[in-house]
């Protein structure tokens, strides 16, 4: 080894000193530069991983919110269809009820009209009978030139009315 040291003119003390200096610089760099840098890199990596996990969770929550929104929207559509159907049925029932009421009122009006017509008919028949009776009495007076008593007048009137076809 001596021959090697003399051939290349190496100083063993200088090499050992440089080796010690190198180790000191390496240790100082390790503790003050590389170790904190590695710590920062690990923290940064953890933050990025957490950020990716959070982004994935947010994406899942967003997808779930979209599914919930669609589910709620579909439920609201079904409910609105049920409400519209119920309203349509109620409207149809109201329509039927109103038609039924209108028919009932029309029937009442027709019945009251028939009653009124029958009453007016009876009144007119009574007036016609009285007028016919007066005419028969007047005609009989002229023909007979004699005034009969009330009983005979009534009998003649009834017979004349029967002959005409009007019920007494």
N, C-alpha and C. Protein backbone atom coordinates (compact mmCIF):
# COMPACT_ATOMS: atom_id res chain seq x y z
N UNK A 1 0.80 -1.16 0.00
CA UNK A 1 0.00 0.00 0.00
C UNK A 1 0.87 1.25 0.00
N UNK A 2 1.95 1.17 0.60
CA UNK A 2 2.89 2.29 0.62
C UNK A 2 3.30 2.67 -0.79
N UNK A 3 3.53 1.67 -1.60
CA UNK A 3 3.96 1.99 -2.94
C UNK A 3 2.84 2.71 -3.70
N UNK A 4 1.64 2.33 -3.40
CA UNK A 4 0.51 2.98 -4.03
C UNK A 4 0.40 4.43 -3.59
N UNK A 5 0.60 4.69 -2.33
CA UNK A 5 0.50 6.03 -1.79
C UNK A 5 1.61 6.89 -2.39
N UNK A 6 2.80 6.35 -2.57
CA UNK A 6 3.91 7.14 -3.10
C UNK A 6 3.76 7.32 -4.60
N UNK A 7 3.21 6.37 -5.29
CA UNK A 7 3.07 6.48 -6.72
C UNK A 7 2.07 7.59 -7.04
N UNK A 8 1.00 7.67 -6.33
CA UNK A 8 -0.02 8.68 -6.64
C UNK A 8 0.11 9.91 -5.77
N UNK A 9 1.08 9.98 -4.95
CA UNK A 9 1.35 11.08 -4.04
C UNK A 9 0.13 11.41 -3.18
N UNK A 10 -0.36 10.42 -2.55
CA UNK A 10 -1.53 10.59 -1.70
C UNK A 10 -1.08 10.81 -0.26
N UNK A 11 -1.80 11.67 0.40
CA UNK A 11 -1.53 11.93 1.81
C UNK A 11 -2.65 11.27 2.60
N UNK A 12 -2.32 10.28 3.41
CA UNK A 12 -3.29 9.50 4.15
C UNK A 12 -4.03 10.36 5.16
N UNK A 13 -3.34 11.27 5.81
CA UNK A 13 -4.00 12.15 6.78
C UNK A 13 -5.02 13.05 6.09
N UNK A 14 -4.66 13.50 4.93
CA UNK A 14 -5.57 14.38 4.20
C UNK A 14 -6.82 13.60 3.74
N UNK A 15 -6.67 12.41 3.32
CA UNK A 15 -7.80 11.59 2.89
C UNK A 15 -8.71 11.30 4.08
N UNK A 16 -8.13 10.98 5.22
CA UNK A 16 -8.93 10.71 6.42
C UNK A 16 -9.66 11.97 6.84
N UNK A 17 -9.03 13.13 6.78
CA UNK A 17 -9.66 14.40 7.15
C UNK A 17 -10.80 14.70 6.19
N UNK A 18 -10.57 14.46 4.92
CA UNK A 18 -11.62 14.72 3.96
C UNK A 18 -12.78 13.73 4.16
N UNK A 19 -12.45 12.49 4.50
CA UNK A 19 -13.48 11.51 4.78
C UNK A 19 -14.31 11.92 5.99
N UNK A 20 -13.64 12.41 7.04
CA UNK A 20 -14.34 12.89 8.23
C UNK A 20 -15.18 14.10 7.88
N UNK A 21 -14.64 15.02 7.12
CA UNK A 21 -15.41 16.20 6.69
C UNK A 21 -16.64 15.78 5.88
N UNK A 22 -16.45 14.81 5.00
CA UNK A 22 -17.55 14.34 4.19
C UNK A 22 -18.65 13.72 5.05
N UNK A 23 -18.25 12.92 6.03
CA UNK A 23 -19.21 12.30 6.94
C UNK A 23 -19.95 13.37 7.75
N UNK A 24 -19.22 14.39 8.21
CA UNK A 24 -19.86 15.47 8.98
C UNK A 24 -20.86 16.21 8.10
N UNK A 25 -20.48 16.53 6.87
CA UNK A 25 -21.38 17.23 5.95
C UNK A 25 -22.58 16.33 5.63
N UNK A 26 -22.33 15.03 5.42
CA UNK A 26 -23.42 14.10 5.11
C UNK A 26 -24.39 14.01 6.29
N UNK A 27 -23.89 13.93 7.53
CA UNK A 27 -24.75 13.86 8.71
C UNK A 27 -25.52 15.16 8.87
N UNK A 28 -24.84 16.31 8.70
CA UNK A 28 -25.51 17.61 8.83
C UNK A 28 -26.60 17.73 7.76
N UNK A 29 -26.26 17.36 6.53
CA UNK A 29 -27.26 17.40 5.47
C UNK A 29 -28.43 16.44 5.77
N UNK A 30 -28.09 15.27 6.31
CA UNK A 30 -29.12 14.28 6.64
C UNK A 30 -30.08 14.83 7.68
N UNK A 31 -29.57 15.39 8.75
CA UNK A 31 -30.43 15.87 9.84
C UNK A 31 -31.10 17.22 9.53
N UNK A 32 -30.40 18.09 8.84
CA UNK A 32 -30.96 19.44 8.64
C UNK A 32 -31.58 19.66 7.26
N UNK A 33 -31.30 18.81 6.29
CA UNK A 33 -31.86 19.03 4.96
C UNK A 33 -32.73 17.85 4.50
N UNK A 34 -32.13 16.68 4.44
CA UNK A 34 -32.84 15.53 3.89
C UNK A 34 -33.98 15.05 4.80
N UNK A 35 -33.73 14.96 6.10
CA UNK A 35 -34.76 14.48 7.01
C UNK A 35 -35.98 15.42 7.01
N UNK A 36 -35.81 16.75 7.17
CA UNK A 36 -36.98 17.62 7.10
C UNK A 36 -37.64 17.60 5.72
N UNK A 37 -36.79 17.50 4.67
CA UNK A 37 -37.34 17.44 3.32
C UNK A 37 -38.17 16.17 3.12
N UNK A 38 -37.69 15.05 3.64
CA UNK A 38 -38.44 13.79 3.55
C UNK A 38 -39.75 13.89 4.34
N UNK A 39 -39.66 14.55 5.51
CA UNK A 39 -40.86 14.73 6.33
C UNK A 39 -41.89 15.56 5.56
N UNK A 40 -41.46 16.64 4.95
CA UNK A 40 -42.34 17.53 4.17
C UNK A 40 -42.91 16.75 2.99
N UNK A 41 -42.10 15.93 2.34
CA UNK A 41 -42.56 15.13 1.20
C UNK A 41 -43.61 14.12 1.64
N UNK A 42 -43.42 13.48 2.80
CA UNK A 42 -44.41 12.52 3.31
C UNK A 42 -45.72 13.25 3.65
N UNK A 43 -45.60 14.41 4.30
CA UNK A 43 -46.80 15.19 4.63
C UNK A 43 -47.53 15.61 3.37
N UNK A 44 -46.78 16.04 2.39
CA UNK A 44 -47.36 16.48 1.13
C UNK A 44 -48.06 15.30 0.44
N UNK A 45 -47.40 14.15 0.44
CA UNK A 45 -47.99 12.94 -0.14
C UNK A 45 -49.29 12.58 0.59
N UNK A 46 -49.26 12.67 1.92
CA UNK A 46 -50.46 12.36 2.71
C UNK A 46 -51.59 13.35 2.39
N UNK A 47 -51.24 14.64 2.25
CA UNK A 47 -52.26 15.63 1.91
C UNK A 47 -52.85 15.35 0.54
N UNK A 48 -52.02 15.00 -0.41
CA UNK A 48 -52.50 14.70 -1.76
C UNK A 48 -53.41 13.47 -1.72
N UNK A 49 -52.99 12.43 -0.99
CA UNK A 49 -53.82 11.22 -0.88
C UNK A 49 -55.15 11.55 -0.20
N UNK A 50 -55.09 12.36 0.87
CA UNK A 50 -56.33 12.77 1.53
C UNK A 50 -57.21 13.59 0.59
N UNK A 51 -56.57 14.46 -0.17
CA UNK A 51 -57.32 15.26 -1.15
C UNK A 51 -57.99 14.38 -2.19
N UNK A 52 -57.28 13.36 -2.65
CA UNK A 52 -57.87 12.42 -3.62
C UNK A 52 -59.01 11.63 -3.00
N UNK A 53 -58.81 11.20 -1.74
CA UNK A 53 -59.89 10.48 -1.04
C UNK A 53 -61.10 11.40 -0.85
N UNK A 54 -60.82 12.65 -0.45
CA UNK A 54 -61.92 13.61 -0.27
C UNK A 54 -62.64 13.88 -1.58
N UNK A 55 -61.87 14.00 -2.66
CA UNK A 55 -62.48 14.22 -3.97
C UNK A 55 -63.34 13.03 -4.37
N UNK A 56 -62.84 11.82 -4.09
CA UNK A 56 -63.60 10.62 -4.40
C UNK A 56 -64.88 10.57 -3.56
N UNK A 57 -64.75 10.89 -2.26
CA UNK A 57 -65.92 10.92 -1.38
C UNK A 57 -66.93 11.98 -1.85
N UNK A 58 -66.41 13.14 -2.22
CA UNK A 58 -67.28 14.21 -2.72
C UNK A 58 -67.98 13.77 -3.99
N UNK A 59 -67.26 13.10 -4.86
CA UNK A 59 -67.85 12.61 -6.10
C UNK A 59 -68.95 11.59 -5.79
N UNK A 60 -68.70 10.70 -4.83
CA UNK A 60 -69.72 9.72 -4.45
C UNK A 60 -70.93 10.41 -3.83
N UNK A 61 -70.67 11.41 -2.97
CA UNK A 61 -71.77 12.15 -2.36
C UNK A 61 -72.56 12.91 -3.42
N UNK A 62 -71.86 13.46 -4.40
CA UNK A 62 -72.52 14.18 -5.49
C UNK A 62 -73.39 13.22 -6.30
N UNK A 63 -72.85 12.04 -6.59
CA UNK A 63 -73.63 11.04 -7.32
C UNK A 63 -74.84 10.61 -6.49
N UNK A 64 -74.65 10.42 -5.18
CA UNK A 64 -75.77 10.05 -4.31
C UNK A 64 -76.81 11.17 -4.26
N UNK A 65 -76.34 12.41 -4.20
CA UNK A 65 -77.26 13.55 -4.19
C UNK A 65 -78.06 13.60 -5.50
N UNK A 66 -77.40 13.30 -6.61
CA UNK A 66 -78.09 13.27 -7.90
C UNK A 66 -79.13 12.16 -7.93
N UNK A 67 -78.77 10.98 -7.40
CA UNK A 67 -79.74 9.89 -7.33
C UNK A 67 -80.92 10.27 -6.43
N UNK A 68 -80.63 10.90 -5.30
CA UNK A 68 -81.68 11.35 -4.39
C UNK A 68 -82.58 12.39 -5.06
N UNK A 69 -81.96 13.30 -5.80
CA UNK A 69 -82.72 14.33 -6.51
C UNK A 69 -83.65 13.69 -7.53
N UNK A 70 -83.12 12.73 -8.31
CA UNK A 70 -83.95 12.04 -9.31
C UNK A 70 -85.06 11.25 -8.63
N UNK A 71 -84.74 10.61 -7.52
CA UNK A 71 -85.74 9.84 -6.77
C UNK A 71 -86.84 10.77 -6.27
N UNK A 72 -86.44 11.91 -5.70
CA UNK A 72 -87.41 12.88 -5.19
C UNK A 72 -88.24 13.45 -6.34
N UNK A 73 -87.59 13.72 -7.45
CA UNK A 73 -88.29 14.25 -8.62
C UNK A 73 -89.32 13.24 -9.14
N UNK A 74 -88.92 11.98 -9.21
CA UNK A 74 -89.86 10.94 -9.66
C UNK A 74 -91.02 10.80 -8.68
N UNK A 75 -90.71 10.85 -7.39
CA UNK A 75 -91.78 10.77 -6.38
C UNK A 75 -92.72 11.96 -6.52
N UNK A 76 -92.17 13.14 -6.75
CA UNK A 76 -93.01 14.33 -6.92
C UNK A 76 -93.88 14.20 -8.18
N UNK A 77 -93.31 13.65 -9.26
CA UNK A 77 -94.09 13.44 -10.48
C UNK A 77 -95.24 12.48 -10.22
N UNK A 78 -94.94 11.38 -9.53
CA UNK A 78 -95.99 10.40 -9.24
C UNK A 78 -97.07 11.03 -8.37
N UNK A 79 -96.64 11.80 -7.37
CA UNK A 79 -97.61 12.45 -6.49
C UNK A 79 -98.47 13.46 -7.25
N UNK A 80 -97.83 14.22 -8.15
CA UNK A 80 -98.60 15.20 -8.93
C UNK A 80 -99.57 14.48 -9.87
N UNK A 81 -99.16 13.33 -10.43
CA UNK A 81 -100.07 12.56 -11.28
C UNK A 81 -101.26 12.06 -10.46
N UNK A 82 -100.98 11.59 -9.23
CA UNK A 82 -102.07 11.14 -8.37
C UNK A 82 -103.01 12.28 -8.03
N UNK A 83 -102.44 13.44 -7.74
CA UNK A 83 -103.26 14.61 -7.41
C UNK A 83 -104.12 15.01 -8.62
N UNK A 84 -103.51 15.01 -9.81
CA UNK A 84 -104.26 15.35 -11.02
C UNK A 84 -105.36 14.33 -11.29
N UNK A 85 -105.05 13.07 -11.08
CA UNK A 85 -106.05 12.03 -11.29
C UNK A 85 -107.19 12.18 -10.29
N UNK A 86 -106.84 12.45 -9.04
CA UNK A 86 -107.86 12.64 -8.01
C UNK A 86 -108.72 13.86 -8.33
N UNK A 87 -108.07 14.95 -8.75
CA UNK A 87 -108.80 16.17 -9.11
C UNK A 87 -109.73 15.90 -10.30
N UNK A 88 -109.24 15.13 -11.25
CA UNK A 88 -110.06 14.79 -12.42
C UNK A 88 -111.28 13.96 -11.99
N UNK A 89 -111.06 13.01 -11.10
CA UNK A 89 -112.17 12.20 -10.61
C UNK A 89 -113.17 13.05 -9.84
N UNK A 90 -112.65 13.95 -9.01
CA UNK A 90 -113.54 14.83 -8.25
C UNK A 90 -114.33 15.74 -9.20
N UNK A 91 -113.66 16.23 -10.24
CA UNK A 91 -114.34 17.08 -11.21
C UNK A 91 -115.43 16.28 -11.93
N UNK A 92 -115.12 15.03 -12.28
CA UNK A 92 -116.11 14.18 -12.94
C UNK A 92 -117.28 13.91 -12.00
N UNK A 93 -116.99 13.65 -10.72
CA UNK A 93 -118.06 13.43 -9.74
C UNK A 93 -118.90 14.68 -9.57
N UNK A 94 -118.24 15.84 -9.48
CA UNK A 94 -118.96 17.11 -9.36
C UNK A 94 -119.84 17.34 -10.59
N UNK A 95 -119.31 17.01 -11.75
CA UNK A 95 -120.06 17.18 -13.00
C UNK A 95 -121.31 16.30 -12.97
N UNK A 96 -121.12 15.03 -12.58
CA UNK A 96 -122.27 14.12 -12.51
C UNK A 96 -123.29 14.62 -11.50
N UNK A 97 -122.80 15.08 -10.35
CA UNK A 97 -123.69 15.57 -9.31
C UNK A 97 -124.46 16.80 -9.79
N UNK A 98 -123.76 17.72 -10.46
CA UNK A 98 -124.41 18.92 -10.97
C UNK A 98 -125.45 18.56 -12.03
N UNK A 99 -125.12 17.60 -12.90
CA UNK A 99 -126.07 17.16 -13.93
C UNK A 99 -127.30 16.54 -13.25
N UNK A 100 -127.04 15.73 -12.23
CA UNK A 100 -128.14 15.10 -11.50
C UNK A 100 -129.02 16.15 -10.83
N UNK A 101 -128.39 17.14 -10.22
CA UNK A 101 -129.15 18.22 -9.58
C UNK A 101 -129.96 18.99 -10.62
N UNK A 102 -129.32 19.27 -11.76
CA UNK A 102 -130.02 20.01 -12.81
C UNK A 102 -131.22 19.21 -13.32
N UNK A 103 -131.03 17.88 -13.50
CA UNK A 103 -132.14 17.05 -13.93
C UNK A 103 -133.26 17.07 -12.90
N UNK A 104 -132.88 16.99 -11.62
CA UNK A 104 -133.88 17.03 -10.55
C UNK A 104 -134.65 18.34 -10.57
N UNK A 105 -133.93 19.44 -10.74
CA UNK A 105 -134.59 20.75 -10.78
C UNK A 105 -135.50 20.86 -12.00
N UNK A 106 -135.03 20.33 -13.12
CA UNK A 106 -135.85 20.36 -14.34
C UNK A 106 -137.12 19.54 -14.12
N UNK A 107 -136.96 18.36 -13.51
CA UNK A 107 -138.13 17.52 -13.24
C UNK A 107 -139.11 18.24 -12.32
N UNK A 108 -138.56 18.92 -11.30
CA UNK A 108 -139.42 19.68 -10.38
C UNK A 108 -140.16 20.79 -11.15
N UNK A 109 -139.41 21.50 -12.01
CA UNK A 109 -140.04 22.57 -12.79
C UNK A 109 -141.11 22.01 -13.72
N UNK A 110 -140.82 20.86 -14.36
CA UNK A 110 -141.79 20.25 -15.26
C UNK A 110 -143.02 19.83 -14.46
N UNK A 111 -142.78 19.21 -13.28
CA UNK A 111 -143.91 18.76 -12.45
C UNK A 111 -144.74 19.96 -12.00
N UNK A 112 -144.04 21.03 -11.55
CA UNK A 112 -144.80 22.21 -11.10
C UNK A 112 -145.52 22.85 -12.29
N UNK A 113 -144.89 22.80 -13.47
CA UNK A 113 -145.54 23.33 -14.68
C UNK A 113 -146.78 22.52 -15.02
N UNK A 114 -146.67 21.19 -14.89
CA UNK A 114 -147.83 20.33 -15.17
C UNK A 114 -148.95 20.63 -14.18
N UNK A 115 -148.57 20.78 -12.91
CA UNK A 115 -149.58 21.09 -11.88
C UNK A 115 -150.25 22.42 -12.20
N UNK A 116 -149.42 23.38 -12.56
CA UNK A 116 -149.96 24.72 -12.87
C UNK A 116 -150.86 24.65 -14.10
N UNK A 117 -150.42 23.89 -15.12
CA UNK A 117 -151.24 23.74 -16.32
C UNK A 117 -152.56 23.05 -15.99
N UNK A 118 -152.47 22.00 -15.17
CA UNK A 118 -153.70 21.29 -14.78
C UNK A 118 -154.63 22.22 -14.02
N UNK A 119 -154.04 23.04 -13.14
CA UNK A 119 -154.85 23.99 -12.37
C UNK A 119 -155.51 25.00 -13.30
N UNK A 120 -154.72 25.52 -14.24
CA UNK A 120 -155.28 26.50 -15.18
C UNK A 120 -156.33 25.85 -16.08
N UNK A 121 -156.08 24.57 -16.44
CA UNK A 121 -157.04 23.85 -17.27
C UNK A 121 -158.37 23.70 -16.51
N UNK A 122 -158.24 23.27 -15.24
CA UNK A 122 -159.45 23.11 -14.42
C UNK A 122 -160.18 24.44 -14.29
N UNK A 123 -159.39 25.50 -14.09
CA UNK A 123 -160.00 26.84 -13.95
C UNK A 123 -160.72 27.23 -15.24
N UNK A 124 -160.06 26.97 -16.38
CA UNK A 124 -160.64 27.32 -17.67
C UNK A 124 -161.88 26.47 -17.94
N UNK A 125 -161.80 25.17 -17.59
CA UNK A 125 -162.96 24.29 -17.78
C UNK A 125 -164.12 24.81 -16.93
N UNK A 126 -163.80 25.21 -15.69
CA UNK A 126 -164.85 25.76 -14.82
C UNK A 126 -165.45 27.02 -15.41
N UNK A 127 -164.60 27.88 -15.96
CA UNK A 127 -165.10 29.12 -16.57
C UNK A 127 -165.95 28.81 -17.81
N UNK A 128 -165.46 27.80 -18.59
CA UNK A 128 -166.20 27.43 -19.80
C UNK A 128 -167.56 26.85 -19.40
N UNK A 129 -167.56 26.00 -18.37
CA UNK A 129 -168.83 25.42 -17.90
C UNK A 129 -169.80 26.52 -17.48
N UNK A 130 -169.26 27.48 -16.72
CA UNK A 130 -170.13 28.57 -16.25
C UNK A 130 -170.66 29.35 -17.44
N UNK A 131 -169.79 29.61 -18.42
CA UNK A 131 -170.21 30.38 -19.58
C UNK A 131 -171.22 29.59 -20.41
N UNK A 132 -170.95 28.29 -20.57
CA UNK A 132 -171.88 27.45 -21.33
C UNK A 132 -173.23 27.40 -20.61
N UNK A 133 -173.15 27.28 -19.29
CA UNK A 133 -174.39 27.24 -18.50
C UNK A 133 -175.18 28.53 -18.69
N UNK A 134 -174.48 29.65 -18.64
CA UNK A 134 -175.15 30.94 -18.84
C UNK A 134 -175.77 31.01 -20.25
N UNK A 135 -175.02 30.50 -21.24
CA UNK A 135 -175.53 30.52 -22.61
C UNK A 135 -176.76 29.62 -22.75
N UNK A 136 -176.69 28.44 -22.11
CA UNK A 136 -177.81 27.51 -22.19
C UNK A 136 -179.04 28.14 -21.53
N UNK A 137 -178.83 28.76 -20.37
CA UNK A 137 -179.96 29.40 -19.67
C UNK A 137 -180.51 30.53 -20.53
N UNK A 138 -179.62 31.32 -21.11
CA UNK A 138 -180.09 32.44 -21.95
C UNK A 138 -180.83 31.91 -23.17
N UNK A 139 -180.29 30.84 -23.78
CA UNK A 139 -180.94 30.27 -24.96
C UNK A 139 -182.27 29.67 -24.58
N UNK A 140 -182.33 29.01 -23.45
CA UNK A 140 -183.58 28.40 -22.99
C UNK A 140 -184.61 29.48 -22.70
N UNK A 141 -184.18 30.56 -22.10
CA UNK A 141 -185.11 31.66 -21.81
C UNK A 141 -185.69 32.21 -23.10
N UNK A 142 -184.83 32.34 -24.07
CA UNK A 142 -185.32 32.91 -25.33
C UNK A 142 -186.26 31.94 -26.02
N UNK A 143 -185.90 30.66 -25.95
CA UNK A 143 -186.74 29.67 -26.63
C UNK A 143 -188.06 29.52 -25.87
N UNK A 144 -188.01 29.46 -24.61
CA UNK A 144 -189.21 29.24 -23.82
C UNK A 144 -189.85 30.55 -23.40
N UNK A 145 -189.14 31.54 -23.39
CA UNK A 145 -189.55 32.85 -22.91
C UNK A 145 -190.06 32.77 -21.50
N UNK A 146 -189.62 31.82 -20.77
CA UNK A 146 -190.05 31.66 -19.39
C UNK A 146 -188.79 31.42 -18.55
N UNK A 147 -188.78 31.94 -17.37
CA UNK A 147 -187.64 31.72 -16.49
C UNK A 147 -187.98 30.54 -15.62
N UNK A 148 -187.10 29.57 -15.64
CA UNK A 148 -187.31 28.36 -14.86
C UNK A 148 -186.67 28.53 -13.50
N UNK A 149 -186.96 27.63 -12.65
CA UNK A 149 -186.34 27.74 -11.33
C UNK A 149 -184.90 27.23 -11.38
N UNK A 150 -184.20 27.41 -10.33
CA UNK A 150 -182.76 27.11 -10.29
C UNK A 150 -182.49 25.63 -10.46
N UNK A 151 -183.29 24.78 -9.94
CA UNK A 151 -183.07 23.34 -10.02
C UNK A 151 -183.19 22.87 -11.45
N UNK A 152 -184.16 23.33 -12.14
CA UNK A 152 -184.38 22.94 -13.53
C UNK A 152 -183.25 23.51 -14.38
N UNK A 153 -182.83 24.75 -14.08
CA UNK A 153 -181.71 25.37 -14.81
C UNK A 153 -180.46 24.48 -14.70
N UNK A 154 -180.21 24.01 -13.51
CA UNK A 154 -179.01 23.21 -13.27
C UNK A 154 -179.09 21.91 -14.04
N UNK A 155 -180.23 21.30 -14.04
CA UNK A 155 -180.41 20.03 -14.73
C UNK A 155 -180.21 20.21 -16.22
N UNK A 156 -180.76 21.24 -16.79
CA UNK A 156 -180.63 21.52 -18.23
C UNK A 156 -179.16 21.80 -18.57
N UNK A 157 -178.51 22.56 -17.71
CA UNK A 157 -177.10 22.89 -17.96
C UNK A 157 -176.26 21.63 -17.97
N UNK A 158 -176.46 20.75 -16.99
CA UNK A 158 -175.68 19.50 -16.92
C UNK A 158 -175.91 18.64 -18.15
N UNK A 159 -177.12 18.54 -18.63
CA UNK A 159 -177.42 17.74 -19.80
C UNK A 159 -176.76 18.35 -21.04
N UNK A 160 -176.78 19.69 -21.13
CA UNK A 160 -176.17 20.34 -22.28
C UNK A 160 -174.65 20.16 -22.26
N UNK A 161 -174.10 20.22 -21.10
CA UNK A 161 -172.63 20.05 -20.97
C UNK A 161 -172.28 18.62 -21.33
N UNK A 162 -173.06 17.63 -20.91
CA UNK A 162 -172.80 16.23 -21.25
C UNK A 162 -172.87 16.04 -22.76
N UNK A 163 -173.84 16.67 -23.39
CA UNK A 163 -173.97 16.55 -24.83
C UNK A 163 -172.75 17.14 -25.56
N UNK A 164 -172.21 18.21 -25.03
CA UNK A 164 -171.02 18.85 -25.65
C UNK A 164 -169.79 17.97 -25.45
N UNK A 165 -169.72 17.21 -24.38
CA UNK A 165 -168.57 16.33 -24.13
C UNK A 165 -167.68 16.86 -23.04
N UNK A 166 -168.12 17.83 -22.29
CA UNK A 166 -167.33 18.38 -21.19
C UNK A 166 -167.82 17.75 -19.92
N UNK A 167 -166.92 17.29 -19.07
CA UNK A 167 -167.31 16.67 -17.82
C UNK A 167 -167.78 17.74 -16.87
N UNK A 168 -168.92 17.47 -16.15
CA UNK A 168 -169.42 18.49 -15.22
C UNK A 168 -168.56 18.61 -14.00
